[in-house]
Amino acid sequence: MRQSHSLNPCPPAFLLSNPSMSTRLLPLLVSKTPILSFLLSLPYYPREVAFSLVDGFSRIVGITTFGVDTVLSHPNTALRNSPWSMILVATLAGGGGGLIVPAFKGFHADWAFATPPWVTNGPGIDVWGATVIGYVYSTLIDAHPFFRTVPDFLFNKIPILSSLVHLPKGYATASGSNPLLQPHEAKIACSLLLASMLAIKVLLPLISVMFAAKPRVAVGKTPTKTSSGKKASTSIKEKKSQ
């Protein structure tokens, strides 16, 4: 969020609000109460999925309100009418920490500048997820005619979508704003989408193990008996013959 305010430029939110809740009360609760120990003692997957839901809903404020909406309300006409500015600021507001913190080893005790993992391994969901949500939100609120391209293409190529979702009349050619959802509705939809994306990322290892553990049998074929099973069946037949 601070990155988006610096780019627009606007005063950061922490200068306009009382920071006592985030800078004093929450660290005090974590350090002086057993909250952190209790959370870490919970089973991994339920805990991480719950954190993903909280992260998805809390990060939406940065991507939408301090990202796309801040660009739309900017006094500079060129910036206000630039779809790429909306996507860029939304990415930095929602995933800027995932870009900057690893570059300075912010999660280590000794800070130092180093090559962040996203340079060698590609950006994680913290970064590209913010880009996707910024694009989806801009499309839902019809922030710029540029964002009508994908919905118009999908509805023309997949006719069944027209029976499921009804686009506003003259959506692709309207000169003014023609939103698919109101801003508050779009933020709720994007919160659910981002939370689902983060939760699926957490559950992917578990899902892959579950599918890998299931034996694969070709359709129309029965499983072959093992050598031990054959030996056991022959020994039973020999006992019966005796």
Protein backbone atom coordinates (compact mmCIF):
# COMPACT_ATOMS: atom_id res chain seq x y z
CA MET A 1 0.00 0.00 0.00
CA ARG A 2 2.86 2.38 0.75
CA GLN A 3 4.27 1.71 -2.73
CA SER A 4 0.98 2.69 -4.40
CA HIS A 5 0.75 5.94 -2.41
CA SER A 6 4.34 6.82 -3.29
CA LEU A 7 3.76 6.24 -7.01
CA ASN A 8 0.51 8.23 -7.27
CA PRO A 9 1.73 10.36 -5.18
CA CYS A 10 -0.38 10.44 -2.01
CA PRO A 11 0.48 10.48 1.68
CA PRO A 12 0.79 6.93 3.06
CA ALA A 13 -2.17 5.61 5.01
CA PHE A 14 -0.18 5.21 8.22
CA LEU A 15 0.35 8.99 8.28
CA LEU A 16 -3.39 9.63 8.05
CA SER A 17 -4.55 7.12 10.67
CA ASN A 18 -3.76 6.16 14.23
CA PRO A 19 -1.00 3.52 14.02
CA SER A 20 -1.35 2.37 17.64
CA MET A 21 -3.36 -0.74 16.70
CA SER A 22 -0.86 -2.11 14.19
CA THR A 23 2.44 -0.91 15.70
CA ARG A 24 1.78 -1.32 19.43
CA LEU A 25 -1.22 -3.39 20.37
CA LEU A 26 -0.80 -6.34 17.98
CA PRO A 27 2.94 -6.89 18.66
CA LEU A 28 2.19 -6.67 22.40
CA LEU A 29 -0.53 -9.31 22.14
CA VAL A 30 1.73 -11.62 20.16
CA SER A 31 4.75 -11.26 22.46
CA LYS A 32 3.03 -11.21 25.86
CA THR A 33 0.21 -13.69 25.34
CA PRO A 34 0.14 -17.36 24.23
CA ILE A 35 -1.72 -16.48 21.02
CA LEU A 36 1.23 -17.22 18.73
CA SER A 37 2.08 -20.48 20.48
CA PHE A 38 -1.54 -21.56 20.26
CA LEU A 39 -1.76 -20.77 16.56
CA LEU A 40 1.48 -22.61 15.79
CA SER A 41 0.26 -25.66 17.75
CA LEU A 42 -2.74 -26.09 15.45
CA PRO A 43 -2.59 -28.70 12.64
CA TYR A 44 -0.71 -27.37 9.63
CA TYR A 45 -3.31 -27.54 6.87
CA PRO A 46 -6.32 -26.15 8.81
CA ARG A 47 -4.13 -23.37 10.19
CA GLU A 48 -2.62 -22.40 6.84
CA VAL A 49 -5.98 -22.52 5.06
CA ALA A 50 -7.45 -20.22 7.72
CA PHE A 51 -4.48 -17.85 7.31
CA SER A 52 -5.01 -17.94 3.54
CA LEU A 53 -8.62 -16.84 3.95
CA VAL A 54 -7.61 -13.98 6.24
CA ASP A 55 -4.77 -13.01 3.90
CA GLY A 56 -7.07 -13.06 0.87
CA PHE A 57 -9.65 -10.77 2.45
CA SER A 58 -7.12 -8.36 3.99
CA ARG A 59 -4.96 -8.02 0.88
CA ILE A 60 -7.93 -6.97 -1.24
CA VAL A 61 -7.91 -3.53 0.40
CA GLY A 62 -4.43 -2.86 -0.95
CA ILE A 63 -5.13 -4.20 -4.44
CA THR A 64 -8.47 -2.47 -4.97
CA THR A 65 -8.88 0.54 -2.68
CA PHE A 66 -5.23 1.61 -2.55
CA GLY A 67 -4.44 0.24 -6.00
CA VAL A 68 -7.00 0.52 -8.79
CA ASP A 69 -9.30 3.02 -7.03
CA THR A 70 -6.39 5.31 -6.20
CA VAL A 71 -5.38 5.45 -9.87
CA LEU A 72 -8.98 6.11 -10.94
CA SER A 73 -9.24 9.09 -8.59
CA HIS A 74 -5.85 10.57 -9.50
CA PRO A 75 -5.96 14.18 -10.80
CA ASN A 76 -3.55 13.39 -13.64
CA THR A 77 -5.70 12.48 -16.67
CA ALA A 78 -3.01 10.42 -18.38
CA LEU A 79 -2.48 8.29 -15.28
CA ARG A 80 -6.20 8.02 -14.54
CA ASN A 81 -6.92 6.70 -18.04
CA SER A 82 -4.04 4.23 -18.18
CA PRO A 83 -5.07 0.55 -17.68
CA TRP A 84 -1.42 -0.45 -17.26
CA SER A 85 -1.06 1.99 -14.36
CA MET A 86 -4.03 0.31 -12.66
CA ILE A 87 -2.51 -3.15 -13.03
CA LEU A 88 0.99 -2.02 -12.02
CA VAL A 89 -0.12 -0.12 -8.91
CA ALA A 90 -2.47 -2.97 -7.92
CA THR A 91 0.43 -5.42 -8.23
CA LEU A 92 2.74 -3.28 -6.11
CA ALA A 93 0.05 -2.53 -3.53
CA GLY A 94 -0.92 -6.20 -3.14
CA GLY A 95 2.40 -7.95 -3.76
CA GLY A 96 5.08 -5.30 -3.36
CA GLY A 97 6.18 -6.83 -0.08
CA GLY A 98 6.83 -10.12 -1.84
CA LEU A 99 9.17 -8.28 -4.19
CA ILE A 100 11.01 -6.00 -1.76
CA VAL A 101 11.33 -8.03 1.45
CA PRO A 102 13.22 -11.02 -0.07
CA ALA A 103 15.57 -8.63 -1.89
CA PHE A 104 16.77 -7.29 1.47
CA LYS A 105 16.45 -10.59 3.40
CA GLY A 106 13.76 -9.03 5.53
CA PHE A 107 12.79 -12.39 7.00
CA HIS A 108 16.31 -12.98 8.37
CA ALA A 109 17.91 -11.64 11.54
CA ASP A 110 20.73 -10.00 9.55
CA TRP A 111 19.40 -7.83 6.73
CA ALA A 112 21.41 -7.72 3.53
CA PHE A 113 20.81 -7.09 -0.15
CA ALA A 114 20.67 -10.33 -2.12
CA THR A 115 19.19 -11.79 -5.26
CA PRO A 116 15.55 -12.49 -4.36
CA PRO A 117 14.10 -15.93 -5.17
CA TRP A 118 11.56 -14.47 -7.59
CA VAL A 119 14.39 -13.47 -9.93
CA THR A 120 15.59 -17.05 -10.37
CA ASN A 121 12.39 -19.01 -9.71
CA GLY A 122 9.80 -16.54 -10.96
CA PRO A 123 7.33 -14.49 -8.90
CA GLY A 124 5.13 -16.32 -6.42
CA ILE A 125 1.40 -16.11 -5.96
CA ASP A 126 1.88 -13.08 -3.69
CA VAL A 127 2.94 -11.11 -6.77
CA TRP A 128 1.11 -12.58 -9.76
CA GLY A 129 -2.00 -13.15 -7.64
CA ALA A 130 -2.17 -9.40 -7.01
CA THR A 131 -1.83 -8.81 -10.76
CA VAL A 132 -4.65 -11.22 -11.56
CA ILE A 133 -6.96 -9.76 -8.92
CA GLY A 134 -6.18 -6.21 -10.06
CA TYR A 135 -7.13 -7.18 -13.60
CA VAL A 136 -10.30 -8.98 -12.51
CA TYR A 137 -11.40 -6.08 -10.30
CA SER A 138 -10.75 -3.56 -13.06
CA THR A 139 -12.81 -5.72 -15.42
CA LEU A 140 -15.72 -6.08 -13.02
CA ILE A 141 -16.01 -2.35 -12.36
CA ASP A 142 -15.24 -1.50 -16.02
CA ALA A 143 -12.37 0.78 -15.06
CA HIS A 144 -11.31 1.19 -18.70
CA PRO A 145 -12.59 -0.04 -22.11
CA PHE A 146 -9.36 -2.07 -22.36
CA PHE A 147 -10.72 -4.49 -19.75
CA ARG A 148 -13.76 -5.37 -21.89
CA THR A 149 -11.61 -7.31 -24.37
CA VAL A 150 -11.43 -10.63 -22.50
CA PRO A 151 -15.13 -10.84 -21.48
CA ASP A 152 -16.23 -9.87 -25.00
CA PHE A 153 -13.94 -12.50 -26.54
CA LEU A 154 -15.10 -15.25 -24.15
CA PHE A 155 -18.78 -14.52 -24.67
CA ASN A 156 -18.34 -14.55 -28.45
CA LYS A 157 -16.36 -17.80 -28.50
CA ILE A 158 -18.34 -19.66 -25.79
CA PRO A 159 -22.06 -19.12 -26.45
CA ILE A 160 -23.16 -21.03 -23.32
CA LEU A 161 -21.79 -18.19 -21.18
CA SER A 162 -24.53 -15.90 -22.49
CA SER A 163 -27.16 -18.15 -20.91
CA LEU A 164 -25.35 -18.17 -17.56
CA VAL A 165 -24.26 -14.53 -17.27
CA HIS A 166 -25.95 -11.57 -18.92
CA LEU A 167 -23.67 -8.71 -19.94
CA PRO A 168 -25.07 -5.16 -19.90
CA LYS A 169 -26.59 -4.06 -23.20
CA GLY A 170 -23.96 -2.65 -25.52
CA TYR A 171 -21.19 -3.71 -23.13
CA ALA A 172 -18.38 -3.92 -25.70
CA THR A 173 -19.21 -0.68 -27.52
CA ALA A 174 -20.47 1.57 -24.70
CA SER A 175 -18.72 4.91 -24.55
CA GLY A 176 -19.24 5.41 -20.81
CA SER A 177 -18.70 3.17 -17.82
CA ASN A 178 -20.65 -0.08 -17.97
CA PRO A 179 -19.71 -2.04 -14.82
CA LEU A 180 -20.53 -5.70 -14.38
CA LEU A 181 -20.63 -5.29 -10.58
CA GLN A 182 -20.66 -2.40 -8.17
CA PRO A 183 -17.28 -1.70 -6.51
CA HIS A 184 -18.24 -3.21 -3.13
CA GLU A 185 -19.65 -6.32 -4.85
CA ALA A 186 -16.53 -6.64 -7.00
CA LYS A 187 -14.32 -6.42 -3.90
CA ILE A 188 -16.25 -9.26 -2.25
CA ALA A 189 -15.95 -11.41 -5.38
CA CYS A 190 -12.22 -10.68 -5.65
CA SER A 191 -11.73 -11.46 -1.94
CA LEU A 192 -13.29 -14.88 -2.42
CA LEU A 193 -11.21 -15.49 -5.54
CA LEU A 194 -7.89 -14.51 -3.94
CA ALA A 195 -8.63 -16.47 -0.75
CA SER A 196 -9.44 -19.54 -2.87
CA MET A 197 -6.21 -19.14 -4.85
CA LEU A 198 -4.11 -18.92 -1.68
CA ALA A 199 -5.92 -21.87 -0.07
CA ILE A 200 -5.44 -24.05 -3.17
CA LYS A 201 -1.72 -23.23 -3.12
CA VAL A 202 -1.52 -24.49 0.47
CA LEU A 203 -3.50 -27.65 -0.31
CA LEU A 204 -1.66 -28.55 -3.54
CA PRO A 205 0.95 -30.80 -1.83
CA LEU A 206 -1.80 -32.64 0.05
CA ILE A 207 -3.88 -33.04 -3.11
CA SER A 208 -0.90 -34.33 -5.11
CA VAL A 209 -0.09 -36.90 -2.39
CA MET A 210 -3.69 -38.07 -2.29
CA PHE A 211 -3.79 -38.63 -6.05
CA ALA A 212 -0.35 -40.24 -6.09
CA ALA A 213 -1.37 -42.71 -3.35
CA LYS A 214 -4.28 -44.12 -5.37
CA PRO A 215 -3.36 -47.15 -7.54
CA ARG A 216 -4.06 -46.60 -11.21
CA VAL A 217 -5.85 -49.47 -12.95
CA ALA A 218 -6.55 -49.35 -16.67
CA VAL A 219 -10.22 -49.38 -17.69
CA GLY A 220 -11.43 -52.88 -18.57
CA LYS A 221 -8.49 -54.64 -16.89
CA THR A 222 -8.37 -56.40 -13.57
CA PRO A 223 -5.39 -56.12 -11.24
CA THR A 224 -2.85 -58.94 -11.73
CA LYS A 225 -2.04 -61.23 -8.85
CA THR A 226 1.32 -60.93 -7.21
CA SER A 227 3.77 -63.79 -6.98
CA SER A 228 3.05 -64.19 -3.26
CA GLY A 229 -0.66 -64.48 -4.05
CA LYS A 230 0.07 -67.18 -6.62
CA LYS A 231 2.19 -69.14 -4.14
CA ALA A 232 -0.52 -68.89 -1.51
CA SER A 233 -3.19 -70.19 -3.91
CA THR A 234 -1.03 -73.12 -5.06
CA SER A 235 -0.27 -74.15 -1.47
CA ILE A 236 -3.99 -74.16 -0.63
CA LYS A 237 -4.69 -76.39 -3.64
CA GLU A 238 -1.95 -78.83 -2.60
CA LYS A 239 -3.39 -79.10 0.92
CA LYS A 240 -6.84 -79.82 -0.49
CA SER A 241 -5.48 -82.56 -2.80
CA GLN A 242 -3.76 -84.24 0.16
